[in-house]
Every structure is written in structure tokens, then in C-alpha cells.
């Protein structure tokens, strides 16, 4: 994901009508067949609306 795409994604998350916005970031080592391991960062945005329901707004993965 390019920096411009990241900025676009974050701006879209901020424009949501959710009352609360939670961002979760995680860095993991991901193993593939053949023994290859690569580092992966994951960003998940979760919005909580007036009714109290959670909604995943934008999961993103970056290698």
C-alpha cells in the first residue's frame, strides 16, 4: 500500500458516522509454505455507532 493509499484509507475512516473509532495495529511474522517467513503489519479500524454495534471499517495489511 502506498503512502497516498494509506492516507486515503485513514481519511475515509475518519469520515464515518461512527460515534467511536478504535484503531488496532499489529505486527506479525507470517509463515508461508516452503518455510518462507515475512513480516506483516495489520491495521484494523473498528467503528461503534449510536446503537452500540461494532463495525469493521477498514482492515489493511502491509508486508
N, C-alpha and C. Protein backbone atom coordinates (compact mmCIF):
# COMPACT_ATOMS: atom_id res chain seq x y z
N UNK A 1 0.85 -1.16 0.00
CA UNK A 1 0.00 0.00 0.00
C UNK A 1 0.90 1.23 0.00
N UNK A 2 0.63 2.15 -0.88
CA UNK A 2 1.43 3.37 -0.97
C UNK A 2 1.03 4.35 0.14
N UNK A 3 1.89 5.31 0.45
CA UNK A 3 1.51 6.32 1.44
C UNK A 3 0.23 7.07 1.07
N UNK A 4 0.02 7.32 -0.21
CA UNK A 4 -1.21 8.00 -0.65
C UNK A 4 -2.44 7.14 -0.38
N UNK A 5 -2.32 5.83 -0.62
CA UNK A 5 -3.44 4.91 -0.35
C UNK A 5 -3.71 4.82 1.16
N UNK A 6 -2.65 4.82 1.96
CA UNK A 6 -2.81 4.79 3.41
C UNK A 6 -3.56 6.04 3.89
N UNK A 7 -3.16 7.19 3.38
CA UNK A 7 -3.81 8.44 3.77
C UNK A 7 -5.28 8.45 3.35
N UNK A 8 -5.55 7.97 2.15
CA UNK A 8 -6.93 7.89 1.66
C UNK A 8 -7.78 6.98 2.56
N UNK A 9 -7.21 5.85 2.95
CA UNK A 9 -7.92 4.91 3.82
C UNK A 9 -8.21 5.54 5.17
N UNK A 10 -7.20 6.19 5.77
CA UNK A 10 -7.40 6.81 7.07
C UNK A 10 -8.42 7.95 7.00
N UNK A 11 -8.40 8.73 5.93
CA UNK A 11 -9.38 9.80 5.77
C UNK A 11 -10.79 9.25 5.65
N UNK A 12 -10.93 8.15 4.91
CA UNK A 12 -12.25 7.52 4.76
C UNK A 12 -12.76 7.02 6.11
N UNK A 13 -11.87 6.48 6.95
CA UNK A 13 -12.27 6.01 8.27
C UNK A 13 -12.76 7.17 9.13
N UNK A 14 -12.10 8.32 9.02
CA UNK A 14 -12.46 9.46 9.85
C UNK A 14 -13.78 10.09 9.42
N UNK A 15 -14.21 9.84 8.19
CA UNK A 15 -15.45 10.41 7.69
C UNK A 15 -16.67 9.54 8.02
N UNK A 16 -16.47 8.46 8.71
CA UNK A 16 -17.58 7.57 9.05
C UNK A 16 -18.49 8.23 10.08
N UNK A 17 -19.72 7.73 10.17
CA UNK A 17 -20.67 8.28 11.12
C UNK A 17 -20.61 7.57 12.47
N UNK A 18 -19.58 6.82 12.70
CA UNK A 18 -19.43 6.12 13.97
C UNK A 18 -19.18 7.11 15.10
N UNK A 19 -19.76 6.83 16.27
CA UNK A 19 -19.54 7.68 17.43
C UNK A 19 -18.14 7.50 18.01
N UNK A 20 -17.64 6.29 17.92
CA UNK A 20 -16.32 5.96 18.45
C UNK A 20 -15.52 5.23 17.39
N UNK A 21 -14.25 5.56 17.27
CA UNK A 21 -13.37 4.92 16.30
C UNK A 21 -12.19 4.34 17.05
N UNK A 22 -11.95 3.04 16.89
CA UNK A 22 -10.82 2.36 17.52
C UNK A 22 -9.90 1.84 16.43
N UNK A 23 -8.62 2.09 16.58
CA UNK A 23 -7.62 1.57 15.63
C UNK A 23 -6.76 0.54 16.35
N UNK A 24 -6.61 -0.60 15.72
CA UNK A 24 -5.79 -1.68 16.26
C UNK A 24 -4.67 -1.95 15.28
N UNK A 25 -3.45 -1.92 15.75
CA UNK A 25 -2.30 -2.22 14.91
C UNK A 25 -1.58 -3.44 15.46
N UNK A 26 -1.07 -4.24 14.57
CA UNK A 26 -0.40 -5.47 15.00
C UNK A 26 0.71 -5.80 14.01
N UNK A 27 1.83 -6.24 14.52
CA UNK A 27 2.94 -6.70 13.68
C UNK A 27 3.10 -8.19 13.93
N UNK A 28 3.08 -8.97 12.86
CA UNK A 28 3.20 -10.42 13.00
C UNK A 28 4.18 -10.97 11.98
N UNK A 29 4.76 -12.11 12.30
CA UNK A 29 5.56 -12.87 11.34
C UNK A 29 4.63 -13.88 10.71
N UNK A 30 4.53 -13.87 9.41
CA UNK A 30 3.61 -14.74 8.70
C UNK A 30 4.41 -15.82 7.97
N UNK A 31 4.12 -17.07 8.24
CA UNK A 31 4.83 -18.18 7.60
C UNK A 31 4.06 -18.65 6.37
N UNK A 32 4.78 -18.97 5.34
CA UNK A 32 4.19 -19.48 4.10
C UNK A 32 4.70 -20.88 3.83
N UNK A 33 4.04 -21.55 2.93
CA UNK A 33 4.51 -22.88 2.52
C UNK A 33 5.93 -22.75 1.99
N UNK A 34 6.72 -23.72 2.26
CA UNK A 34 8.12 -23.69 1.83
C UNK A 34 9.03 -23.06 2.87
N UNK A 35 8.46 -22.66 4.01
CA UNK A 35 9.28 -22.14 5.09
C UNK A 35 9.59 -20.66 5.04
N UNK A 36 9.12 -19.96 4.02
CA UNK A 36 9.39 -18.53 3.93
C UNK A 36 8.60 -17.79 5.03
N UNK A 37 9.27 -16.87 5.71
CA UNK A 37 8.62 -16.06 6.74
C UNK A 37 8.78 -14.60 6.35
N UNK A 38 7.68 -13.86 6.42
CA UNK A 38 7.76 -12.43 6.12
C UNK A 38 7.06 -11.65 7.21
N UNK A 39 7.50 -10.43 7.41
CA UNK A 39 6.89 -9.55 8.40
C UNK A 39 5.67 -8.90 7.79
N UNK A 40 4.59 -8.84 8.56
CA UNK A 40 3.34 -8.25 8.08
C UNK A 40 2.80 -7.33 9.17
N UNK A 41 2.38 -6.14 8.77
CA UNK A 41 1.70 -5.22 9.69
C UNK A 41 0.24 -5.18 9.31
N UNK A 42 -0.62 -5.20 10.31
CA UNK A 42 -2.06 -5.20 10.09
C UNK A 42 -2.67 -4.02 10.84
N UNK A 43 -3.51 -3.24 10.17
CA UNK A 43 -4.24 -2.14 10.79
C UNK A 43 -5.73 -2.41 10.61
N UNK A 44 -6.47 -2.38 11.71
CA UNK A 44 -7.90 -2.61 11.65
C UNK A 44 -8.60 -1.44 12.32
N UNK A 45 -9.54 -0.83 11.61
CA UNK A 45 -10.34 0.25 12.17
C UNK A 45 -11.73 -0.29 12.48
N UNK A 46 -12.18 -0.05 13.72
CA UNK A 46 -13.49 -0.50 14.16
C UNK A 46 -14.28 0.71 14.62
N UNK A 47 -15.48 0.88 14.07
CA UNK A 47 -16.35 1.97 14.48
C UNK A 47 -17.48 1.44 15.34
N UNK A 48 -17.91 2.25 16.32
CA UNK A 48 -19.05 1.90 17.16
C UNK A 48 -20.09 3.00 16.98
N UNK A 49 -21.28 2.62 16.51
CA UNK A 49 -22.33 3.59 16.24
C UNK A 49 -23.21 3.88 17.43
N UNK A 50 -24.23 4.71 17.21
CA UNK A 50 -25.16 5.11 18.27
C UNK A 50 -25.82 3.91 18.95
N UNK A 51 -26.13 2.89 18.19
CA UNK A 51 -26.81 1.72 18.72
C UNK A 51 -25.88 0.80 19.51
N UNK A 52 -24.58 1.08 19.49
CA UNK A 52 -23.62 0.27 20.22
C UNK A 52 -23.06 -0.90 19.44
N UNK A 53 -23.39 -0.98 18.15
CA UNK A 53 -22.88 -2.08 17.33
C UNK A 53 -21.52 -1.72 16.75
N UNK A 54 -20.63 -2.71 16.76
CA UNK A 54 -19.30 -2.53 16.18
C UNK A 54 -19.33 -2.89 14.70
N UNK A 55 -18.52 -2.20 13.94
CA UNK A 55 -18.41 -2.47 12.51
C UNK A 55 -16.95 -2.31 12.10
N UNK A 56 -16.40 -3.33 11.44
CA UNK A 56 -15.04 -3.23 10.93
C UNK A 56 -15.10 -2.32 9.71
N UNK A 57 -14.36 -1.22 9.78
CA UNK A 57 -14.41 -0.23 8.72
C UNK A 57 -13.36 -0.46 7.64
N UNK A 58 -12.15 -0.80 8.05
CA UNK A 58 -11.10 -0.89 7.05
C UNK A 58 -9.95 -1.76 7.53
N UNK A 59 -9.98 -3.05 7.27
CA UNK A 59 -8.81 -3.86 7.58
C UNK A 59 -7.77 -3.68 6.47
N UNK A 60 -6.52 -3.50 6.83
CA UNK A 60 -5.45 -3.33 5.85
C UNK A 60 -4.25 -4.15 6.28
N UNK A 61 -3.56 -4.71 5.29
CA UNK A 61 -2.35 -5.49 5.54
C UNK A 61 -1.23 -4.89 4.71
N UNK A 62 -0.05 -4.82 5.31
CA UNK A 62 1.11 -4.30 4.60
C UNK A 62 2.31 -5.18 4.89
N UNK A 63 2.93 -5.67 3.84
CA UNK A 63 4.11 -6.53 4.01
C UNK A 63 5.36 -5.70 4.10
